[in-house]
C-alpha cells in the first residue's frame, strides 16, 4: 500500500502541473512580463503566508499540525523584506489582495482555526512547493530583473536555515506518513490539497487577467 505522502503527491499531480504552467507563470518565467507583475505576485504571496503563519504559534502544540510548524520554513519576514525592496519602505500602504487571494487566505485561516489536518494540506502544498519549484522562479527573477543573487527581492525563495532541502523534504514526507488521522480524514486532507492547488491557480488566473500580454 502506498504511503500517505505518495498518495497526496499522486492525487495532486495534475493540478500541480496546471498551476506551474498557468499563462501568468509561464509569461513571468519566460521573461515576457515586467518587474511590476513579479511585485504584484509577491504581494499576493504575502497575504497567503500572513494567513499561514498567523496561527503557527498556537498550532505548534496541536497533535496533528504541531510537527509541521517549523520556524526555518517561515516566509513572512522574507516576503516583507522583498516588498520593502520592490515597493519601498511604505509598501504596506499600497498592497492589496485580489479577490482570489482573499478567498485563498480565508480558507487557510479557516483551516488553521478549525481543522488542523486541513491546515497541514495547505502547509504542504505551499512550503514544499517553494522549496522545490520556487528555486526556478528565483533564478529567473535574478536574471530578468537584476536582483542580487539570493538577495533583496528574492529572499522569499531563499531558505537560509535549511542546508539540505532534499533531506528536509524527505523528513517532511515522513511526518506526513506518520500523521495522526484515520483513512477518512486522510481522504479529506488529500481533497484539501486539491483545493489548495485550485485556490492557487485561481490567483494565477486573476494575475494573468491583470497582466495580459498584448496580442
C-alpha atoms as a PDB file:
ATOM      1  CA  UNK A   1       0.000   0.000   0.000  1.00  0.00           C
ATOM      2  CA  UNK A   2       1.286   3.461  -0.914  1.00  0.00           C
ATOM      3  CA  UNK A   3       2.397   5.812   1.843  1.00  0.00           C
ATOM      4  CA  UNK A   4       0.220   8.831   2.637  1.00  0.00           C
ATOM      5  CA  UNK A   5       2.795  11.264   1.204  1.00  0.00           C
ATOM      6  CA  UNK A   6       2.850   9.272  -2.058  1.00  0.00           C
ATOM      7  CA  UNK A   7      -0.957   9.288  -2.247  1.00  0.00           C
ATOM      8  CA  UNK A   8      -1.030  13.080  -1.741  1.00  0.00           C
ATOM      9  CA  UNK A   9       1.625  13.689  -4.370  1.00  0.00           C
ATOM     10  CA  UNK A  10      -0.055  11.424  -6.925  1.00  0.00           C
ATOM     11  CA  UNK A  11      -3.535  12.846  -6.286  1.00  0.00           C
ATOM     12  CA  UNK A  12      -2.461  16.445  -6.801  1.00  0.00           C
ATOM     13  CA  UNK A  13      -0.027  15.879  -9.674  1.00  0.00           C
ATOM     14  CA  UNK A  14      -2.261  17.167 -12.465  1.00  0.00           C
ATOM     15  CA  UNK A  15      -3.273  20.268 -10.528  1.00  0.00           C
ATOM     16  CA  UNK A  16       0.357  20.878  -9.647  1.00  0.00           C
ATOM     17  CA  UNK A  17       1.246  20.876 -13.333  1.00  0.00           C
ATOM     18  CA  UNK A  18      -1.739  23.131 -14.124  1.00  0.00           C
ATOM     19  CA  UNK A  19      -0.597  25.678 -11.525  1.00  0.00           C
ATOM     20  CA  UNK A  20       3.021  25.617 -12.709  1.00  0.00           C
ATOM     21  CA  UNK A  21       2.078  26.011 -16.363  1.00  0.00           C
ATOM     22  CA  UNK A  22      -0.531  28.754 -15.907  1.00  0.00           C
ATOM     23  CA  UNK A  23      -0.317  31.528 -18.512  1.00  0.00           C
ATOM     24  CA  UNK A  24       0.784  34.081 -15.921  1.00  0.00           C
ATOM     25  CA  UNK A  25       3.556  31.895 -14.515  1.00  0.00           C
ATOM     26  CA  UNK A  26       4.708  30.869 -17.999  1.00  0.00           C
ATOM     27  CA  UNK A  27       4.868  34.529 -19.058  1.00  0.00           C
ATOM     28  CA  UNK A  28       6.642  35.530 -15.846  1.00  0.00           C
ATOM     29  CA  UNK A  29       9.240  32.761 -16.088  1.00  0.00           C
ATOM     30  CA  UNK A  30       9.611  33.367 -19.813  1.00  0.00           C
ATOM     31  CA  UNK A  31      10.693  36.944 -19.185  1.00  0.00           C
ATOM     32  CA  UNK A  32       7.664  38.338 -21.017  1.00  0.00           C
ATOM     33  CA  UNK A  33       6.366  40.366 -18.055  1.00  0.00           C
ATOM     34  CA  UNK A  34       7.896  43.368 -16.316  1.00  0.00           C
ATOM     35  CA  UNK A  35       9.005  43.557 -12.708  1.00  0.00           C
ATOM     36  CA  UNK A  36       5.671  45.109 -11.683  1.00  0.00           C
ATOM     37  CA  UNK A  37       3.957  41.761 -12.408  1.00  0.00           C
ATOM     38  CA  UNK A  38       6.525  39.987 -10.216  1.00  0.00           C
ATOM     39  CA  UNK A  39       5.938  42.585  -7.488  1.00  0.00           C
ATOM     40  CA  UNK A  40       2.178  42.098  -7.648  1.00  0.00           C
ATOM     41  CA  UNK A  41       2.641  38.327  -7.389  1.00  0.00           C
ATOM     42  CA  UNK A  42       4.914  38.792  -4.355  1.00  0.00           C
ATOM     43  CA  UNK A  43       2.198  40.933  -2.742  1.00  0.00           C
ATOM     44  CA  UNK A  44      -0.345  38.145  -3.156  1.00  0.00           C
ATOM     45  CA  UNK A  45       2.043  35.672  -1.560  1.00  0.00           C
ATOM     46  CA  UNK A  46       2.335  37.937   1.467  1.00  0.00           C
ATOM     47  CA  UNK A  47      -1.417  37.695   2.144  1.00  0.00           C
ATOM     48  CA  UNK A  48      -1.322  33.896   1.905  1.00  0.00           C
ATOM     49  CA  UNK A  49       1.708  33.495   4.180  1.00  0.00           C
ATOM     50  CA  UNK A  50       0.312  36.002   6.639  1.00  0.00           C
ATOM     51  CA  UNK A  51      -2.650  33.626   6.976  1.00  0.00           C
ATOM     52  CA  UNK A  52      -0.430  30.533   7.153  1.00  0.00           C
ATOM     53  CA  UNK A  53       1.854  31.893   9.850  1.00  0.00           C
ATOM     54  CA  UNK A  54      -0.522  33.989  11.968  1.00  0.00           C
ATOM     55  CA  UNK A  55      -1.770  30.895  13.837  1.00  0.00           C
ATOM     56  CA  UNK A  56       1.512  28.960  13.772  1.00  0.00           C
ATOM     57  CA  UNK A  57       2.336  29.657  17.419  1.00  0.00           C
ATOM     58  CA  UNK A  58      -0.990  28.279  18.589  1.00  0.00           C
ATOM     59  CA  UNK A  59      -0.798  25.252  16.284  1.00  0.00           C
ATOM     60  CA  UNK A  60       2.698  24.292  17.473  1.00  0.00           C
ATOM     61  CA  UNK A  61       1.150  22.277  20.319  1.00  0.00           C
ATOM     62  CA  UNK A  62      -1.565  20.679  18.158  1.00  0.00           C
ATOM     63  CA  UNK A  63      -1.293  16.840  17.981  1.00  0.00           C
ATOM     64  CA  UNK A  64      -1.831  16.823  14.197  1.00  0.00           C
ATOM     65  CA  UNK A  65      -0.363  20.080  12.880  1.00  0.00           C
ATOM     66  CA  UNK A  66       2.261  20.672  15.567  1.00  0.00           C
ATOM     67  CA  UNK A  67       5.039  18.609  13.980  1.00  0.00           C
ATOM     68  CA  UNK A  68       4.813  20.689  10.798  1.00  0.00           C
ATOM     69  CA  UNK A  69       5.300  24.069  12.490  1.00  0.00           C
ATOM     70  CA  UNK A  70       8.962  24.600  11.646  1.00  0.00           C
ATOM     71  CA  UNK A  71      10.297  28.156  12.079  1.00  0.00           C
ATOM     72  CA  UNK A  72      13.003  27.505   9.459  1.00  0.00           C
ATOM     73  CA  UNK A  73      10.214  27.402   6.871  1.00  0.00           C
ATOM     74  CA  UNK A  74       8.559  30.707   7.829  1.00  0.00           C
ATOM     75  CA  UNK A  75       8.417  33.117   4.891  1.00  0.00           C
ATOM     76  CA  UNK A  76       6.573  36.205   6.070  1.00  0.00           C
ATOM     77  CA  UNK A  77       9.643  38.163   7.224  1.00  0.00           C
ATOM     78  CA  UNK A  78      11.451  37.373   3.950  1.00  0.00           C
ATOM     79  CA  UNK A  79       8.419  38.494   1.946  1.00  0.00           C
ATOM     80  CA  UNK A  80       8.276  41.747   3.889  1.00  0.00           C
ATOM     81  CA  UNK A  81      11.927  42.409   3.144  1.00  0.00           C
ATOM     82  CA  UNK A  82      11.333  41.685  -0.547  1.00  0.00           C
ATOM     83  CA  UNK A  83       8.329  44.001  -0.647  1.00  0.00           C
ATOM     84  CA  UNK A  84      10.285  46.797   1.049  1.00  0.00           C
ATOM     85  CA  UNK A  85      12.882  46.389  -1.700  1.00  0.00           C
ATOM     86  CA  UNK A  86      10.313  46.206  -4.507  1.00  0.00           C
ATOM     87  CA  UNK A  87       7.868  48.860  -3.298  1.00  0.00           C
ATOM     88  CA  UNK A  88       9.808  50.945  -0.799  1.00  0.00           C
ATOM     89  CA  UNK A  89       9.535  51.306   2.986  1.00  0.00           C
ATOM     90  CA  UNK A  90       5.840  52.268   2.843  1.00  0.00           C
ATOM     91  CA  UNK A  91       4.911  49.127   0.921  1.00  0.00           C
ATOM     92  CA  UNK A  92       2.107  48.205   3.350  1.00  0.00           C
ATOM     93  CA  UNK A  93       0.089  51.248   2.306  1.00  0.00           C
ATOM     94  CA  UNK A  94      -0.011  50.100  -1.318  1.00  0.00           C
ATOM     95  CA  UNK A  95      -0.584  46.342  -1.166  1.00  0.00           C
ATOM     96  CA  UNK A  96      -3.984  44.861  -1.905  1.00  0.00           C
ATOM     97  CA  UNK A  97      -5.257  41.307  -2.151  1.00  0.00           C
ATOM     98  CA  UNK A  98      -7.005  40.185  -5.309  1.00  0.00           C
ATOM     99  CA  UNK A  99     -10.431  38.606  -4.615  1.00  0.00           C
ATOM    100  CA  UNK A 100      -8.919  35.197  -5.467  1.00  0.00           C
ATOM    101  CA  UNK A 101      -6.096  35.816  -2.985  1.00  0.00           C
ATOM    102  CA  UNK A 102      -8.583  36.843  -0.302  1.00  0.00           C
ATOM    103  CA  UNK A 103     -10.506  33.599  -0.830  1.00  0.00           C
ATOM    104  CA  UNK A 104      -7.257  31.588  -0.606  1.00  0.00           C
ATOM    105  CA  UNK A 105      -6.087  33.332   2.593  1.00  0.00           C
ATOM    106  CA  UNK A 106      -9.526  32.992   4.184  1.00  0.00           C
ATOM    107  CA  UNK A 107      -9.561  29.239   3.537  1.00  0.00           C
ATOM    108  CA  UNK A 108      -6.082  28.865   5.047  1.00  0.00           C
ATOM    109  CA  UNK A 109      -7.171  30.854   8.095  1.00  0.00           C
ATOM    110  CA  UNK A 110     -10.357  28.826   8.442  1.00  0.00           C
ATOM    111  CA  UNK A 111      -8.400  25.553   8.433  1.00  0.00           C
ATOM    112  CA  UNK A 112      -5.845  26.940  10.903  1.00  0.00           C
ATOM    113  CA  UNK A 113      -8.628  27.876  13.305  1.00  0.00           C
ATOM    114  CA  UNK A 114     -10.976  24.904  12.917  1.00  0.00           C
ATOM    115  CA  UNK A 115      -9.319  21.981  11.134  1.00  0.00           C
ATOM    116  CA  UNK A 116      -5.593  21.427  11.805  1.00  0.00           C
ATOM    117  CA  UNK A 117      -5.363  18.477   9.366  1.00  0.00           C
ATOM    118  CA  UNK A 118      -6.704  20.742   6.620  1.00  0.00           C
ATOM    119  CA  UNK A 119      -4.100  23.329   7.593  1.00  0.00           C
ATOM    120  CA  UNK A 120      -1.442  20.651   7.017  1.00  0.00           C
ATOM    121  CA  UNK A 121      -2.737  20.260   3.437  1.00  0.00           C
ATOM    122  CA  UNK A 122      -2.140  23.964   2.770  1.00  0.00           C
ATOM    123  CA  UNK A 123       1.185  23.900   4.602  1.00  0.00           C
ATOM    124  CA  UNK A 124       2.371  21.014   2.432  1.00  0.00           C
ATOM    125  CA  UNK A 125       1.293  22.477  -0.907  1.00  0.00           C
ATOM    126  CA  UNK A 126       2.896  25.853  -0.186  1.00  0.00           C
ATOM    127  CA  UNK A 127       6.148  25.191   1.645  1.00  0.00           C
ATOM    128  CA  UNK A 128       7.241  22.069  -0.206  1.00  0.00           C
ATOM    129  CA  UNK A 129       6.408  23.785  -3.487  1.00  0.00           C
ATOM    130  CA  UNK A 130       8.511  26.798  -2.516  1.00  0.00           C
ATOM    131  CA  UNK A 131      11.446  24.584  -1.564  1.00  0.00           C
ATOM    132  CA  UNK A 132      11.243  22.893  -4.977  1.00  0.00           C
ATOM    133  CA  UNK A 133       9.890  24.927  -7.881  1.00  0.00           C
ATOM    134  CA  UNK A 134      10.489  28.218  -6.114  1.00  0.00           C
ATOM    135  CA  UNK A 135      14.183  27.955  -6.920  1.00  0.00           C
ATOM    136  CA  UNK A 136      13.417  28.196 -10.637  1.00  0.00           C
ATOM    137  CA  UNK A 137      11.469  31.430 -10.040  1.00  0.00           C
ATOM    138  CA  UNK A 138      14.345  32.876  -8.003  1.00  0.00           C
ATOM    139  CA  UNK A 139      16.869  32.109 -10.731  1.00  0.00           C
ATOM    140  CA  UNK A 140      14.691  33.659 -13.461  1.00  0.00           C
ATOM    141  CA  UNK A 141      13.904  36.731 -11.350  1.00  0.00           C
ATOM    142  CA  UNK A 142      17.589  37.375 -10.650  1.00  0.00           C
ATOM    143  CA  UNK A 143      18.396  37.172 -14.346  1.00  0.00           C
ATOM    144  CA  UNK A 144      15.357  39.084 -15.647  1.00  0.00           C
ATOM    145  CA  UNK A 145      15.338  41.990 -13.194  1.00  0.00           C
ATOM    146  CA  UNK A 146      18.875  42.097 -11.900  1.00  0.00           C
ATOM    147  CA  UNK A 147      18.266  41.199  -8.261  1.00  0.00           C
ATOM    148  CA  UNK A 148      21.355  40.351  -6.262  1.00  0.00           C
ATOM    149  CA  UNK A 149      21.799  36.595  -6.076  1.00  0.00           C
ATOM    150  CA  UNK A 150      19.712  35.354  -3.120  1.00  0.00           C
ATOM    151  CA  UNK A 151      19.339  38.994  -2.036  1.00  0.00           C
ATOM    152  CA  UNK A 152      16.566  41.519  -1.518  1.00  0.00           C
ATOM    153  CA  UNK A 153      13.733  40.941  -3.973  1.00  0.00           C
ATOM    154  CA  UNK A 154      14.114  37.151  -3.975  1.00  0.00           C
ATOM    155  CA  UNK A 155      14.615  36.362  -0.283  1.00  0.00           C
ATOM    156  CA  UNK A 156      11.258  34.589  -0.199  1.00  0.00           C
ATOM    157  CA  UNK A 157      12.865  31.765  -2.186  1.00  0.00           C
ATOM    158  CA  UNK A 158      15.984  31.516  -0.008  1.00  0.00           C
ATOM    159  CA  UNK A 159      15.663  29.073   2.899  1.00  0.00           C
ATOM    160  CA  UNK A 160      18.834  30.019   4.741  1.00  0.00           C
ATOM    161  CA  UNK A 161      18.163  27.702   7.679  1.00  0.00           C
ATOM    162  CA  UNK A 162      17.638  24.600   5.540  1.00  0.00           C
ATOM    163  CA  UNK A 163      21.056  23.384   4.498  1.00  0.00           C
ATOM    164  CA  UNK A 164      19.886  20.252   2.706  1.00  0.00           C
ATOM    165  CA  UNK A 165      16.474  20.753   1.036  1.00  0.00           C
ATOM    166  CA  UNK A 166      16.332  17.162  -0.271  1.00  0.00           C
ATOM    167  CA  UNK A 167      16.829  15.735   3.233  1.00  0.00           C
ATOM    168  CA  UNK A 168      14.334  18.226   4.672  1.00  0.00           C
ATOM    169  CA  UNK A 169      11.682  17.215   2.126  1.00  0.00           C
ATOM    170  CA  UNK A 170      12.314  13.545   2.928  1.00  0.00           C
ATOM    171  CA  UNK A 171      11.791  14.272   6.619  1.00  0.00           C
ATOM    172  CA  UNK A 172       8.661  16.268   5.847  1.00  0.00           C
ATOM    173  CA  UNK A 173       7.174  13.365   3.885  1.00  0.00           C
ATOM    174  CA  UNK A 174       7.929  11.075   6.828  1.00  0.00           C
ATOM    175  CA  UNK A 175       5.918  13.461   9.022  1.00  0.00           C
ATOM    176  CA  UNK A 176       3.025  13.201   6.556  1.00  0.00           C
ATOM    177  CA  UNK A 177       3.240   9.409   6.627  1.00  0.00           C
ATOM    178  CA  UNK A 178       3.070   9.494  10.440  1.00  0.00           C
ATOM    179  CA  UNK A 179       0.201  11.988  10.646  1.00  0.00           C
ATOM    180  CA  UNK A 180      -2.402  11.093  13.264  1.00  0.00           C
ATOM    181  CA  UNK A 181      -5.541  10.630  11.178  1.00  0.00           C
ATOM    182  CA  UNK A 182      -7.796   7.760  10.115  1.00  0.00           C
ATOM    183  CA  UNK A 183      -8.386   6.842   6.462  1.00  0.00           C
ATOM    184  CA  UNK A 184     -11.442   9.046   6.074  1.00  0.00           C
ATOM    185  CA  UNK A 185      -9.620  12.054   7.488  1.00  0.00           C
ATOM    186  CA  UNK A 186      -6.671  11.347   5.191  1.00  0.00           C
ATOM    187  CA  UNK A 187      -9.036  11.366   2.204  1.00  0.00           C
ATOM    188  CA  UNK A 188     -10.302  14.767   3.344  1.00  0.00           C
ATOM    189  CA  UNK A 189      -6.706  16.034   3.585  1.00  0.00           C
ATOM    190  CA  UNK A 190      -5.972  14.807   0.048  1.00  0.00           C
ATOM    191  CA  UNK A 191      -9.092  16.637  -1.167  1.00  0.00           C
ATOM    192  CA  UNK A 192      -7.969  19.808   0.636  1.00  0.00           C
ATOM    193  CA  UNK A 193      -4.588  19.609  -1.114  1.00  0.00           C
ATOM    194  CA  UNK A 194      -6.536  19.663  -4.362  1.00  0.00           C
ATOM    195  CA  UNK A 195      -8.478  22.656  -3.073  1.00  0.00           C
ATOM    196  CA  UNK A 196      -5.206  24.426  -2.202  1.00  0.00           C
ATOM    197  CA  UNK A 197      -3.914  23.970  -5.736  1.00  0.00           C
ATOM    198  CA  UNK A 198      -7.230  25.193  -7.168  1.00  0.00           C
ATOM    199  CA  UNK A 199      -7.122  28.317  -4.977  1.00  0.00           C
ATOM    200  CA  UNK A 200      -3.529  28.973  -6.024  1.00  0.00           C
ATOM    201  CA  UNK A 201      -4.387  28.509  -9.708  1.00  0.00           C
ATOM    202  CA  UNK A 202      -7.263  30.992  -9.316  1.00  0.00           C
ATOM    203  CA  UNK A 203      -4.746  33.582  -8.096  1.00  0.00           C
ATOM    204  CA  UNK A 204      -2.574  32.930 -11.163  1.00  0.00           C
ATOM    205  CA  UNK A 205      -5.636  33.308 -13.381  1.00  0.00           C
ATOM    206  CA  UNK A 206      -6.507  36.656 -11.776  1.00  0.00           C
ATOM    207  CA  UNK A 207      -2.907  37.866 -12.146  1.00  0.00           C
ATOM    208  CA  UNK A 208      -2.994  36.771 -15.792  1.00  0.00           C
ATOM    209  CA  UNK A 209      -6.066  38.976 -16.324  1.00  0.00           C
ATOM    210  CA  UNK A 210      -4.325  41.889 -14.623  1.00  0.00           C
ATOM    211  CA  UNK A 211      -1.149  41.452 -16.678  1.00  0.00           C
ATOM    212  CA  UNK A 212      -2.223  40.240 -20.121  1.00  0.00           C
ATOM    213  CA  UNK A 213       0.380  40.133 -22.848  1.00  0.00           C
ATOM    214  CA  UNK A 214      -0.607  42.469 -25.668  1.00  0.00           C
ATOM    215  CA  UNK A 215      -1.526  40.401 -28.708  1.00  0.00           C
END
